[in-house]
């Protein structure tokens, strides 16, 4: 199983603009890096905490989609242990 797929490695940009079934998109960090994450991550307490922080900071109706108010390094610290179960796409 591929743990992390970076832009252009396995999926073309066009393919990844469409979110695969069972996944959703979050934007992370000052650069608003786009991550396509599995819905399975919604069960994780650490990921849920990030979503709560996003709701507090941006509300539930952000025009940008789900924006996580943390640095990319913090996000990766939370999701890397979850990757043994599934694949995280960085686009």
PDB file of N, CA and C in Angstrom:
ATOM      1  N   UNK A   1       0.841  -1.171   0.000  1.00  0.00           N
ATOM      2  CA  UNK A   1       0.000   0.000   0.000  1.00  0.00           C
ATOM      3  C   UNK A   1       0.892   1.242   0.000  1.00  0.00           C
ATOM      4  N   UNK A   2       0.579   2.190  -0.841  1.00  0.00           N
ATOM      5  CA  UNK A   2       1.311   3.460  -0.889  1.00  0.00           C
ATOM      6  C   UNK A   2       0.845   4.316   0.271  1.00  0.00           C
ATOM      7  N   UNK A   3       1.781   4.779   1.079  1.00  0.00           N
ATOM      8  CA  UNK A   3       1.431   5.561   2.260  1.00  0.00           C
ATOM      9  C   UNK A   3       1.037   6.983   1.891  1.00  0.00           C
ATOM     10  N   UNK A   4       1.885   7.658   1.134  1.00  0.00           N
ATOM     11  CA  UNK A   4       1.614   9.052   0.805  1.00  0.00           C
ATOM     12  C   UNK A   4       1.895   9.250  -0.675  1.00  0.00           C
ATOM     13  N   UNK A   5       0.978   9.830  -1.359  1.00  0.00           N
ATOM     14  CA  UNK A   5       1.139  10.067  -2.782  1.00  0.00           C
ATOM     15  C   UNK A   5       1.276  11.555  -3.006  1.00  0.00           C
ATOM     16  N   UNK A   6       2.389  11.980  -3.534  1.00  0.00           N
ATOM     17  CA  UNK A   6       2.611  13.395  -3.790  1.00  0.00           C
ATOM     18  C   UNK A   6       2.157  13.751  -5.188  1.00  0.00           C
ATOM     19  N   UNK A   7       1.942  15.020  -5.385  1.00  0.00           N
ATOM     20  CA  UNK A   7       1.459  15.539  -6.657  1.00  0.00           C
ATOM     21  C   UNK A   7       2.262  14.985  -7.821  1.00  0.00           C
ATOM     22  N   UNK A   8       1.577  14.424  -8.785  1.00  0.00           N
ATOM     23  CA  UNK A   8       2.211  13.961 -10.004  1.00  0.00           C
ATOM     24  C   UNK A   8       2.870  12.600  -9.901  1.00  0.00           C
ATOM     25  N   UNK A   9       2.909  12.006  -8.709  1.00  0.00           N
ATOM     26  CA  UNK A   9       3.592  10.741  -8.560  1.00  0.00           C
ATOM     27  C   UNK A   9       2.750   9.580  -9.113  1.00  0.00           C
ATOM     28  N   UNK A  10       1.506   9.480  -8.682  1.00  0.00           N
ATOM     29  CA  UNK A  10       0.622   8.427  -9.162  1.00  0.00           C
ATOM     30  C   UNK A  10      -0.625   8.985  -9.832  1.00  0.00           C
ATOM     31  N   UNK A  11      -1.100  10.096  -9.356  1.00  0.00           N
ATOM     32  CA  UNK A  11      -2.340  10.672  -9.847  1.00  0.00           C
ATOM     33  C   UNK A  11      -2.049  11.982 -10.556  1.00  0.00           C
ATOM     34  N   UNK A  12      -2.698  12.215 -11.650  1.00  0.00           N
ATOM     35  CA  UNK A  12      -2.545  13.499 -12.326  1.00  0.00           C
ATOM     36  C   UNK A  12      -3.338  14.550 -11.554  1.00  0.00           C
ATOM     37  N   UNK A  13      -3.019  15.810 -11.763  1.00  0.00           N
ATOM     38  CA  UNK A  13      -3.749  16.885 -11.100  1.00  0.00           C
ATOM     39  C   UNK A  13      -5.231  16.820 -11.438  1.00  0.00           C
ATOM     40  N   UNK A  14      -5.535  16.549 -12.686  1.00  0.00           N
ATOM     41  CA  UNK A  14      -6.934  16.509 -13.123  1.00  0.00           C
ATOM     42  C   UNK A  14      -7.701  15.421 -12.373  1.00  0.00           C
ATOM     43  N   UNK A  15      -7.086  14.267 -12.202  1.00  0.00           N
ATOM     44  CA  UNK A  15      -7.741  13.171 -11.497  1.00  0.00           C
ATOM     45  C   UNK A  15      -7.993  13.533 -10.042  1.00  0.00           C
ATOM     46  N   UNK A  16      -7.041  14.203  -9.406  1.00  0.00           N
ATOM     47  CA  UNK A  16      -7.157  14.490  -7.986  1.00  0.00           C
ATOM     48  C   UNK A  16      -8.030  15.711  -7.707  1.00  0.00           C
ATOM     49  N   UNK A  17      -8.387  16.488  -8.689  1.00  0.00           N
ATOM     50  CA  UNK A  17      -9.316  17.594  -8.462  1.00  0.00           C
ATOM     51  C   UNK A  17     -10.682  17.032  -8.117  1.00  0.00           C
ATOM     52  N   UNK A  18     -10.957  15.848  -8.603  1.00  0.00           N
ATOM     53  CA  UNK A  18     -12.183  15.150  -8.235  1.00  0.00           C
ATOM     54  C   UNK A  18     -11.842  14.284  -7.034  1.00  0.00           C
ATOM     55  N   UNK A  19     -12.513  14.514  -5.945  1.00  0.00           N
ATOM     56  CA  UNK A  19     -12.218  13.795  -4.714  1.00  0.00           C
ATOM     57  C   UNK A  19     -12.704  12.350  -4.829  1.00  0.00           C
ATOM     58  N   UNK A  20     -11.797  11.390  -4.578  1.00  0.00           N
ATOM     59  CA  UNK A  20     -12.199   9.981  -4.663  1.00  0.00           C
ATOM     60  C   UNK A  20     -13.293   9.643  -3.642  1.00  0.00           C
ATOM     61  N   UNK A  21     -14.093   8.656  -3.965  1.00  0.00           N
ATOM     62  CA  UNK A  21     -15.144   8.197  -3.067  1.00  0.00           C
ATOM     63  C   UNK A  21     -14.523   7.812  -1.722  1.00  0.00           C
ATOM     64  N   UNK A  22     -15.189   8.218  -0.646  1.00  0.00           N
ATOM     65  CA  UNK A  22     -14.695   7.881   0.686  1.00  0.00           C
ATOM     66  C   UNK A  22     -13.619   8.828   1.202  1.00  0.00           C
ATOM     67  N   UNK A  23     -13.433   9.946   0.526  1.00  0.00           N
ATOM     68  CA  UNK A  23     -12.427  10.940   0.912  1.00  0.00           C
ATOM     69  C   UNK A  23     -13.053  12.330   0.925  1.00  0.00           C
ATOM     70  N   UNK A  24     -12.350  13.274   1.543  1.00  0.00           N
ATOM     71  CA  UNK A  24     -12.753  14.673   1.491  1.00  0.00           C
ATOM     72  C   UNK A  24     -11.493  15.535   1.503  1.00  0.00           C
ATOM     73  N   UNK A  25     -11.657  16.803   1.178  1.00  0.00           N
ATOM     74  CA  UNK A  25     -10.520  17.711   1.030  1.00  0.00           C
ATOM     75  C   UNK A  25     -10.424  18.635   2.234  1.00  0.00           C
ATOM     76  N   UNK A  26      -9.191  18.833   2.717  1.00  0.00           N
ATOM     77  CA  UNK A  26      -8.913  19.858   3.717  1.00  0.00           C
ATOM     78  C   UNK A  26      -7.743  20.691   3.216  1.00  0.00           C
ATOM     79  N   UNK A  27      -7.703  21.946   3.658  1.00  0.00           N
ATOM     80  CA  UNK A  27      -6.612  22.852   3.324  1.00  0.00           C
ATOM     81  C   UNK A  27      -5.873  23.167   4.615  1.00  0.00           C
ATOM     82  N   UNK A  28      -4.541  23.097   4.553  1.00  0.00           N
ATOM     83  CA  UNK A  28      -3.733  23.180   5.765  1.00  0.00           C
ATOM     84  C   UNK A  28      -2.601  24.189   5.606  1.00  0.00           C
ATOM     85  N   UNK A  29      -2.343  24.919   6.674  1.00  0.00           N
ATOM     86  CA  UNK A  29      -1.188  25.812   6.734  1.00  0.00           C
ATOM     87  C   UNK A  29      -1.381  27.118   6.002  1.00  0.00           C
ATOM     88  N   UNK A  30      -0.371  27.973   6.129  1.00  0.00           N
ATOM     89  CA  UNK A  30      -0.421  29.293   5.494  1.00  0.00           C
ATOM     90  C   UNK A  30      -0.488  29.195   3.976  1.00  0.00           C
ATOM     91  N   UNK A  31       0.108  28.160   3.428  1.00  0.00           N
ATOM     92  CA  UNK A  31       0.098  27.969   1.969  1.00  0.00           C
ATOM     93  C   UNK A  31      -1.193  27.315   1.488  1.00  0.00           C
ATOM     94  N   UNK A  32      -2.071  26.958   2.426  1.00  0.00           N
ATOM     95  CA  UNK A  32      -3.337  26.297   2.092  1.00  0.00           C
ATOM     96  C   UNK A  32      -3.096  25.058   1.228  1.00  0.00           C
ATOM     97  N   UNK A  33      -2.162  24.220   1.666  1.00  0.00           N
ATOM     98  CA  UNK A  33      -1.869  22.990   0.927  1.00  0.00           C
ATOM     99  C   UNK A  33      -3.094  22.083   0.970  1.00  0.00           C
ATOM    100  N   UNK A  34      -3.430  21.532  -0.164  1.00  0.00           N
ATOM    101  CA  UNK A  34      -4.632  20.698  -0.317  1.00  0.00           C
ATOM    102  C   UNK A  34      -4.286  19.244  -0.024  1.00  0.00           C
ATOM    103  N   UNK A  35      -5.054  18.643   0.888  1.00  0.00           N
ATOM    104  CA  UNK A  35      -4.910  17.231   1.219  1.00  0.00           C
ATOM    105  C   UNK A  35      -6.248  16.551   0.970  1.00  0.00           C
ATOM    106  N   UNK A  36      -6.206  15.389   0.370  1.00  0.00           N
ATOM    107  CA  UNK A  36      -7.400  14.564   0.186  1.00  0.00           C
ATOM    108  C   UNK A  36      -7.278  13.441   1.207  1.00  0.00           C
ATOM    109  N   UNK A  37      -8.156  13.467   2.200  1.00  0.00           N
ATOM    110  CA  UNK A  37      -8.049  12.540   3.312  1.00  0.00           C
ATOM    111  C   UNK A  37      -9.233  11.587   3.360  1.00  0.00           C
ATOM    112  N   UNK A  38      -9.011  10.385   3.846  1.00  0.00           N
ATOM    113  CA  UNK A  38     -10.099   9.405   3.952  1.00  0.00           C
ATOM    114  C   UNK A  38     -11.106   9.800   5.028  1.00  0.00           C
ATOM    115  N   UNK A  39     -12.366   9.484   4.814  1.00  0.00           N
ATOM    116  CA  UNK A  39     -13.390   9.774   5.815  1.00  0.00           C
ATOM    117  C   UNK A  39     -13.130   8.990   7.103  1.00  0.00           C
ATOM    118  N   UNK A  40     -12.363   7.940   7.028  1.00  0.00           N
ATOM    119  CA  UNK A  40     -11.994   7.149   8.203  1.00  0.00           C
ATOM    120  C   UNK A  40     -11.317   8.019   9.261  1.00  0.00           C
ATOM    121  N   UNK A  41     -10.635   9.080   8.841  1.00  0.00           N
ATOM    122  CA  UNK A  41      -9.941   9.975   9.768  1.00  0.00           C
ATOM    123  C   UNK A  41     -10.913  10.701  10.687  1.00  0.00           C
ATOM    124  N   UNK A  42     -12.182  10.789  10.305  1.00  0.00           N
ATOM    125  CA  UNK A  42     -13.173  11.483  11.121  1.00  0.00           C
ATOM    126  C   UNK A  42     -13.393  10.806  12.469  1.00  0.00           C
ATOM    127  N   UNK A  43     -13.006   9.554  12.582  1.00  0.00           N
ATOM    128  CA  UNK A  43     -13.160   8.819  13.837  1.00  0.00           C
ATOM    129  C   UNK A  43     -12.022   9.107  14.826  1.00  0.00           C
ATOM    130  N   UNK A  44     -10.947   9.703  14.366  1.00  0.00           N
ATOM    131  CA  UNK A  44      -9.779   9.939  15.202  1.00  0.00           C
ATOM    132  C   UNK A  44      -9.969  11.177  16.078  1.00  0.00           C
ATOM    133  N   UNK A  45      -9.652  11.057  17.361  1.00  0.00           N
ATOM    134  CA  UNK A  45      -9.827  12.164  18.309  1.00  0.00           C
ATOM    135  C   UNK A  45      -8.956  13.370  17.954  1.00  0.00           C
ATOM    136  N   UNK A  46      -7.738  13.144  17.530  1.00  0.00           N
ATOM    137  CA  UNK A  46      -6.852  14.247  17.154  1.00  0.00           C
ATOM    138  C   UNK A  46      -7.372  15.001  15.944  1.00  0.00           C
ATOM    139  N   UNK A  47      -7.866  14.270  14.968  1.00  0.00           N
ATOM    140  CA  UNK A  47      -8.416  14.899  13.769  1.00  0.00           C
ATOM    141  C   UNK A  47      -9.704  15.648  14.108  1.00  0.00           C
ATOM    142  N   UNK A  48     -10.517  15.068  14.988  1.00  0.00           N
ATOM    143  CA  UNK A  48     -11.740  15.729  15.422  1.00  0.00           C
ATOM    144  C   UNK A  48     -11.424  17.057  16.110  1.00  0.00           C
ATOM    145  N   UNK A  49     -10.339  17.091  16.877  1.00  0.00           N
ATOM    146  CA  UNK A  49      -9.925  18.327  17.555  1.00  0.00           C
ATOM    147  C   UNK A  49      -9.580  19.407  16.528  1.00  0.00           C
ATOM    148  N   UNK A  50      -8.881  19.016  15.451  1.00  0.00           N
ATOM    149  CA  UNK A  50      -8.572  19.978  14.385  1.00  0.00           C
ATOM    150  C   UNK A  50      -9.842  20.522  13.737  1.00  0.00           C
ATOM    151  N   UNK A  51     -10.812  19.655  13.529  1.00  0.00           N
ATOM    152  CA  UNK A  51     -12.078  20.093  12.941  1.00  0.00           C
ATOM    153  C   UNK A  51     -12.828  21.041  13.875  1.00  0.00           C
ATOM    154  N   UNK A  52     -12.781  20.771  15.181  1.00  0.00           N
ATOM    155  CA  UNK A  52     -13.409  21.672  16.149  1.00  0.00           C
ATOM    156  C   UNK A  52     -12.749  23.041  16.116  1.00  0.00           C
ATOM    157  N   UNK A  53     -11.420  23.071  16.044  1.00  0.00           N
ATOM    158  CA  UNK A  53     -10.696  24.340  15.971  1.00  0.00           C
ATOM    159  C   UNK A  53     -11.060  25.096  14.693  1.00  0.00           C
ATOM    160  N   UNK A  54     -11.193  24.352  13.598  1.00  0.00           N
ATOM    161  CA  UNK A  54     -11.574  24.974  12.322  1.00  0.00           C
ATOM    162  C   UNK A  54     -12.968  25.594  12.430  1.00  0.00           C
ATOM    163  N   UNK A  55     -13.896  24.886  13.070  1.00  0.00           N
ATOM    164  CA  UNK A  55     -15.259  25.396  13.229  1.00  0.00           C
ATOM    165  C   UNK A  55     -15.277  26.648  14.100  1.00  0.00           C
ATOM    166  N   UNK A  56     -14.465  26.654  15.153  1.00  0.00           N
ATOM    167  CA  UNK A  56     -14.397  27.829  16.024  1.00  0.00           C
ATOM    168  C   UNK A  56     -13.820  29.034  15.291  1.00  0.00           C
ATOM    169  N   UNK A  57     -12.793  28.798  14.505  1.00  0.00           N
ATOM    170  CA  UNK A  57     -12.110  29.906  13.837  1.00  0.00           C
ATOM    171  C   UNK A  57     -12.823  30.387  12.577  1.00  0.00           C
ATOM    172  N   UNK A  58     -13.334  29.466  11.778  1.00  0.00           N
ATOM    173  CA  UNK A  58     -13.903  29.833  10.473  1.00  0.00           C
ATOM    174  C   UNK A  58     -15.399  29.607  10.353  1.00  0.00           C
ATOM    175  N   UNK A  59     -15.997  28.904  11.302  1.00  0.00           N
ATOM    176  CA  UNK A  59     -17.413  28.574  11.210  1.00  0.00           C
ATOM    177  C   UNK A  59     -17.620  27.366  10.298  1.00  0.00           C
ATOM    178  N   UNK A  60     -18.870  27.023  10.099  1.00  0.00           N
ATOM    179  CA  UNK A  60     -19.189  25.842   9.293  1.00  0.00           C
ATOM    180  C   UNK A  60     -19.451  26.162   7.830  1.00  0.00           C
ATOM    181  N   UNK A  61     -19.461  27.419   7.477  1.00  0.00           N
ATOM    182  CA  UNK A  61     -19.812  27.801   6.116  1.00  0.00           C
ATOM    183  C   UNK A  61     -18.680  28.575   5.451  1.00  0.00           C
ATOM    184  N   UNK A  62     -17.470  28.071   5.570  1.00  0.00           N
ATOM    185  CA  UNK A  62     -16.318  28.728   4.953  1.00  0.00           C
ATOM    186  C   UNK A  62     -16.377  28.536   3.441  1.00  0.00           C
ATOM    187  N   UNK A  63     -16.241  29.616   2.665  1.00  0.00           N
ATOM    188  CA  UNK A  63     -16.274  29.486   1.206  1.00  0.00           C
ATOM    189  C   UNK A  63     -15.057  28.738   0.657  1.00  0.00           C
ATOM    190  N   UNK A  64     -14.025  28.611   1.451  1.00  0.00           N
ATOM    191  CA  UNK A  64     -12.809  27.921   1.012  1.00  0.00           C
ATOM    192  C   UNK A  64     -12.867  26.417   1.256  1.00  0.00           C
ATOM    193  N   UNK A  65     -13.908  25.932   1.882  1.00  0.00           N
ATOM    194  CA  UNK A  65     -13.981  24.523   2.234  1.00  0.00           C
ATOM    195  C   UNK A  65     -13.469  24.328   3.659  1.00  0.00           C
ATOM    196  N   UNK A  66     -12.986  23.153   3.969  1.00  0.00           N
ATOM    197  CA  UNK A  66     -12.488  22.876   5.310  1.00  0.00           C
ATOM    198  C   UNK A  66     -11.040  23.353   5.396  1.00  0.00           C
ATOM    199  N   UNK A  67     -10.837  24.387   6.193  1.00  0.00           N
ATOM    200  CA  UNK A  67      -9.503  24.949   6.403  1.00  0.00           C
ATOM    201  C   UNK A  67      -9.105  24.631   7.831  1.00  0.00           C
ATOM    202  N   UNK A  68      -8.004  23.910   7.999  1.00  0.00           N
ATOM    203  CA  UNK A  68      -7.539  23.559   9.338  1.00  0.00           C
ATOM    204  C   UNK A  68      -6.536  24.605   9.811  1.00  0.00           C
ATOM    205  N   UNK A  69      -6.804  25.238  10.959  1.00  0.00           N
ATOM    206  CA  UNK A  69      -5.961  26.323  11.446  1.00  0.00           C
ATOM    207  C   UNK A  69      -4.731  25.810  12.192  1.00  0.00           C
ATOM    208  N   UNK A  70      -3.853  25.159  11.467  1.00  0.00           N
ATOM    209  CA  UNK A  70      -2.623  24.663  12.071  1.00  0.00           C
ATOM    210  C   UNK A  70      -1.529  24.623  11.011  1.00  0.00           C
ATOM    211  N   UNK A  71      -0.301  24.468  11.470  1.00  0.00           N
ATOM    212  CA  UNK A  71       0.803  24.316  10.530  1.00  0.00           C
ATOM    213  C   UNK A  71       0.747  22.921   9.920  1.00  0.00           C
ATOM    214  N   UNK A  72       1.301  22.806   8.741  1.00  0.00           N
ATOM    215  CA  UNK A  72       1.321  21.512   8.054  1.00  0.00           C
ATOM    216  C   UNK A  72       1.999  20.441   8.901  1.00  0.00           C
ATOM    217  N   UNK A  73       3.050  20.814   9.617  1.00  0.00           N
ATOM    218  CA  UNK A  73       3.780  19.843  10.448  1.00  0.00           C
ATOM    219  C   UNK A  73       2.887  19.267  11.555  1.00  0.00           C
ATOM    220  N   UNK A  74       2.018  20.103  12.137  1.00  0.00           N
ATOM    221  CA  UNK A  74       1.087  19.640  13.168  1.00  0.00           C
ATOM    222  C   UNK A  74       0.074  18.672  12.552  1.00  0.00           C
ATOM    223  N   UNK A  75      -0.452  19.042  11.399  1.00  0.00           N
ATOM    224  CA  UNK A  75      -1.408  18.184  10.698  1.00  0.00           C
ATOM    225  C   UNK A  75      -0.789  16.816  10.395  1.00  0.00           C
ATOM    226  N   UNK A  76       0.424  16.827   9.871  1.00  0.00           N
ATOM    227  CA  UNK A  76       1.076  15.569   9.525  1.00  0.00           C
ATOM    228  C   UNK A  76       1.369  14.730  10.761  1.00  0.00           C
ATOM    229  N   UNK A  77       1.688  15.366  11.877  1.00  0.00           N
ATOM    230  CA  UNK A  77       1.917  14.640  13.124  1.00  0.00           C
ATOM    231  C   UNK A  77       0.665  13.882  13.543  1.00  0.00           C
ATOM    232  N   UNK A  78      -0.482  14.469  13.282  1.00  0.00           N
ATOM    233  CA  UNK A  78      -1.749  13.829  13.646  1.00  0.00           C
ATOM    234  C   UNK A  78      -2.125  12.731  12.665  1.00  0.00           C
ATOM    235  N   UNK A  79      -1.946  12.967  11.368  1.00  0.00           N
ATOM    236  CA  UNK A  79      -2.442  11.987  10.388  1.00  0.00           C
ATOM    237  C   UNK A  79      -1.446  10.885  10.035  1.00  0.00           C
ATOM    238  N   UNK A  80      -0.154  11.113  10.210  1.00  0.00           N
ATOM    239  CA  UNK A  80       0.806  10.072   9.835  1.00  0.00           C
ATOM    240  C   UNK A  80       0.567   8.749  10.558  1.00  0.00           C
ATOM    241  N   UNK A  81       0.257   8.753  11.867  1.00  0.00           N
ATOM    242  CA  UNK A  81      -0.035   7.464  12.512  1.00  0.00           C
ATOM    243  C   UNK A  81      -1.288   6.773  11.971  1.00  0.00           C
ATOM    244  N   UNK A  82      -2.171   7.522  11.328  1.00  0.00           N
ATOM    245  CA  UNK A  82      -3.401   6.949  10.787  1.00  0.00           C
ATOM    246  C   UNK A  82      -3.188   6.299   9.427  1.00  0.00           C
ATOM    247  N   UNK A  83      -2.062   6.580   8.799  1.00  0.00           N
ATOM    248  CA  UNK A  83      -1.855   6.140   7.424  1.00  0.00           C
ATOM    249  C   UNK A  83      -1.661   4.637   7.267  1.00  0.00           C
ATOM    250  N   UNK A  84      -1.389   3.918   8.308  1.00  0.00           N
ATOM    251  CA  UNK A  84      -1.235   2.479   8.160  1.00  0.00           C
ATOM    252  C   UNK A  84      -2.548   1.830   7.725  1.00  0.00           C
ATOM    253  N   UNK A  85      -3.641   2.549   7.925  1.00  0.00           N
ATOM    254  CA  UNK A  85      -4.960   2.027   7.558  1.00  0.00           C
ATOM    255  C   UNK A  85      -5.392   2.397   6.148  1.00  0.00           C
ATOM    256  N   UNK A  86      -4.815   3.463   5.603  1.00  0.00           N
ATOM    257  CA  UNK A  86      -5.326   3.988   4.342  1.00  0.00           C
ATOM    258  C   UNK A  86      -4.305   4.906   3.690  1.00  0.00           C
ATOM    259  N   UNK A  87      -4.689   5.586   2.641  1.00  0.00           N
ATOM    260  CA  UNK A  87      -3.788   6.462   1.878  1.00  0.00           C
ATOM    261  C   UNK A  87      -4.209   7.914   2.027  1.00  0.00           C
ATOM    262  N   UNK A  88      -3.228   8.785   2.200  1.00  0.00           N
ATOM    263  CA  UNK A  88      -3.439  10.225   2.246  1.00  0.00           C
ATOM    264  C   UNK A  88      -2.859  10.801   0.986  1.00  0.00           C
ATOM    265  N   UNK A  89      -3.612  11.609   0.268  1.00  0.00           N
ATOM    266  CA  UNK A  89      -3.138  12.213  -0.964  1.00  0.00           C
ATOM    267  C   UNK A  89      -2.824  13.673  -0.744  1.00  0.00           C
ATOM    268  N   UNK A  90      -1.663  14.104  -1.202  1.00  0.00           N
ATOM    269  CA  UNK A  90      -1.304  15.502  -1.179  1.00  0.00           C
ATOM    270  C   UNK A  90      -1.370  15.974  -2.624  1.00  0.00           C
ATOM    271  N   UNK A  91      -2.174  16.994  -2.881  1.00  0.00           N
ATOM    272  CA  UNK A  91      -2.312  17.470  -4.257  1.00  0.00           C
ATOM    273  C   UNK A  91      -1.922  18.916  -4.369  1.00  0.00           C
TER     274      UNK A  91
END
